[in-house]
Amino acid sequence: MWSVKLSDDQREALCVMIKAQGESYDSDLRDALRALELARWDDLPDAELPWDRVEELASEQGIDEADVVWDLAGGMPSKAKRPLLAAHPKTPQTRV
């Protein structure tokens, strides 16, 4: 799979080239045309990573920042979890 960011003009030029094939284009080109017509990169926000936290996690684990980014992309939380407070065990009440 390839990913590419196109300007609106570039995207439109590709659509025109595919449509110029006439009815002879196959299902792959039809799917590509549909994807191009739906694609609007300017509607998507730019991705942001907490680089301070990435560096901190990499340092703590002794790994590269790229490995931390991979972990974050896989669903690892970027913020440290709060330590759980130990619940006080209930002491049984005895009647005297």
Protein backbone atom coordinates (compact mmCIF):
# COMPACT_ATOMS: atom_id res chain seq x y z
CA MET A 1 0.00 0.00 0.00
CA TRP A 2 1.23 3.46 -0.88
CA SER A 3 0.33 6.71 0.74
CA VAL A 4 0.81 10.06 -0.92
CA LYS A 5 -0.23 13.61 -0.14
CA LEU A 6 -1.49 15.48 -3.18
CA SER A 7 -2.57 19.05 -3.71
CA ASP A 8 -6.13 19.56 -4.91
CA ASP A 9 -4.81 20.27 -8.41
CA GLN A 10 -2.71 17.10 -8.47
CA ARG A 11 -5.61 15.02 -7.20
CA GLU A 12 -7.89 16.50 -9.84
CA ALA A 13 -5.31 15.82 -12.60
CA LEU A 14 -5.15 12.15 -11.59
CA CYS A 15 -8.95 11.92 -11.65
CA VAL A 16 -9.01 13.42 -15.16
CA MET A 17 -6.35 10.95 -16.37
CA ILE A 18 -8.28 7.98 -15.01
CA LYS A 19 -11.57 9.23 -16.48
CA ALA A 20 -9.80 9.73 -19.85
CA GLN A 21 -9.45 5.93 -20.03
CA GLY A 22 -13.17 5.83 -20.82
CA GLU A 23 -15.23 2.82 -19.94
CA SER A 24 -12.26 0.54 -20.49
CA TYR A 25 -10.65 1.06 -17.11
CA ASP A 26 -10.77 -1.89 -14.73
CA SER A 27 -12.07 -2.17 -11.18
CA ASP A 28 -8.69 -1.18 -9.69
CA LEU A 29 -8.73 2.15 -11.51
CA ARG A 30 -12.40 2.60 -10.62
CA ASP A 31 -11.53 2.04 -6.94
CA ALA A 32 -8.58 4.43 -7.22
CA LEU A 33 -10.85 7.06 -8.74
CA ARG A 34 -13.37 6.63 -5.93
CA ALA A 35 -10.59 6.95 -3.33
CA LEU A 36 -9.24 10.09 -5.01
CA GLU A 37 -12.68 11.64 -5.06
CA LEU A 38 -13.11 10.95 -1.34
CA ALA A 39 -9.62 12.08 -0.35
CA ARG A 40 -9.37 15.50 1.25
CA TRP A 41 -6.07 15.83 3.10
CA ASP A 42 -6.83 19.38 4.18
CA ASP A 43 -9.74 18.03 6.27
CA LEU A 44 -7.36 15.99 8.40
CA PRO A 45 -5.47 17.49 11.33
CA ASP A 46 -1.70 17.22 11.41
CA ALA A 47 -0.49 14.46 13.68
CA GLU A 48 1.20 15.53 16.87
CA LEU A 49 3.31 13.47 19.24
CA PRO A 50 4.32 14.35 22.78
CA TRP A 51 8.05 14.40 21.98
CA ASP A 52 9.09 15.10 25.57
CA ARG A 53 7.21 11.99 26.65
CA VAL A 54 8.61 9.99 23.71
CA GLU A 55 12.16 10.88 24.74
CA GLU A 56 11.39 10.08 28.38
CA LEU A 57 9.91 6.67 27.52
CA ALA A 58 12.83 5.86 25.22
CA SER A 59 15.32 6.76 27.93
CA GLU A 60 13.48 4.75 30.60
CA GLN A 61 13.31 1.66 28.39
CA GLY A 62 16.72 2.02 26.76
CA ILE A 63 15.24 2.03 23.26
CA ASP A 64 15.13 4.45 20.30
CA GLU A 65 12.46 7.11 19.93
CA ALA A 66 11.30 5.33 16.76
CA ASP A 67 10.46 2.24 18.83
CA VAL A 68 8.42 4.37 21.23
CA VAL A 69 6.54 5.95 18.30
CA TRP A 70 5.82 2.44 17.01
CA ASP A 71 4.49 1.46 20.44
CA LEU A 72 2.34 4.59 20.62
CA ALA A 73 0.92 3.84 17.17
CA GLY A 74 0.04 0.38 18.45
CA GLY A 75 -2.06 1.78 21.28
CA MET A 76 0.38 2.25 24.14
CA PRO A 77 -0.79 5.19 26.28
CA SER A 78 1.48 8.22 26.06
CA LYS A 79 0.82 9.28 29.63
CA ALA A 80 2.04 7.33 32.60
CA LYS A 81 -0.66 5.61 34.54
CA ARG A 82 -1.27 6.84 38.02
CA PRO A 83 -0.12 4.42 40.66
CA LEU A 84 -3.03 2.67 42.29
CA LEU A 85 -3.45 3.28 45.98
CA ALA A 86 -3.49 0.11 48.01
CA ALA A 87 -6.84 -0.38 49.63
CA HIS A 88 -6.72 -0.80 53.38
CA PRO A 89 -7.85 -4.28 54.30
CA LYS A 90 -10.88 -4.25 56.47
CA THR A 91 -10.21 -5.62 59.90
CA PRO A 92 -12.88 -7.97 61.06
CA GLN A 93 -14.93 -6.63 63.88
CA THR A 94 -15.26 -8.85 66.87
CA ARG A 95 -17.73 -8.56 69.65
CA VAL A 96 -16.41 -8.67 73.14
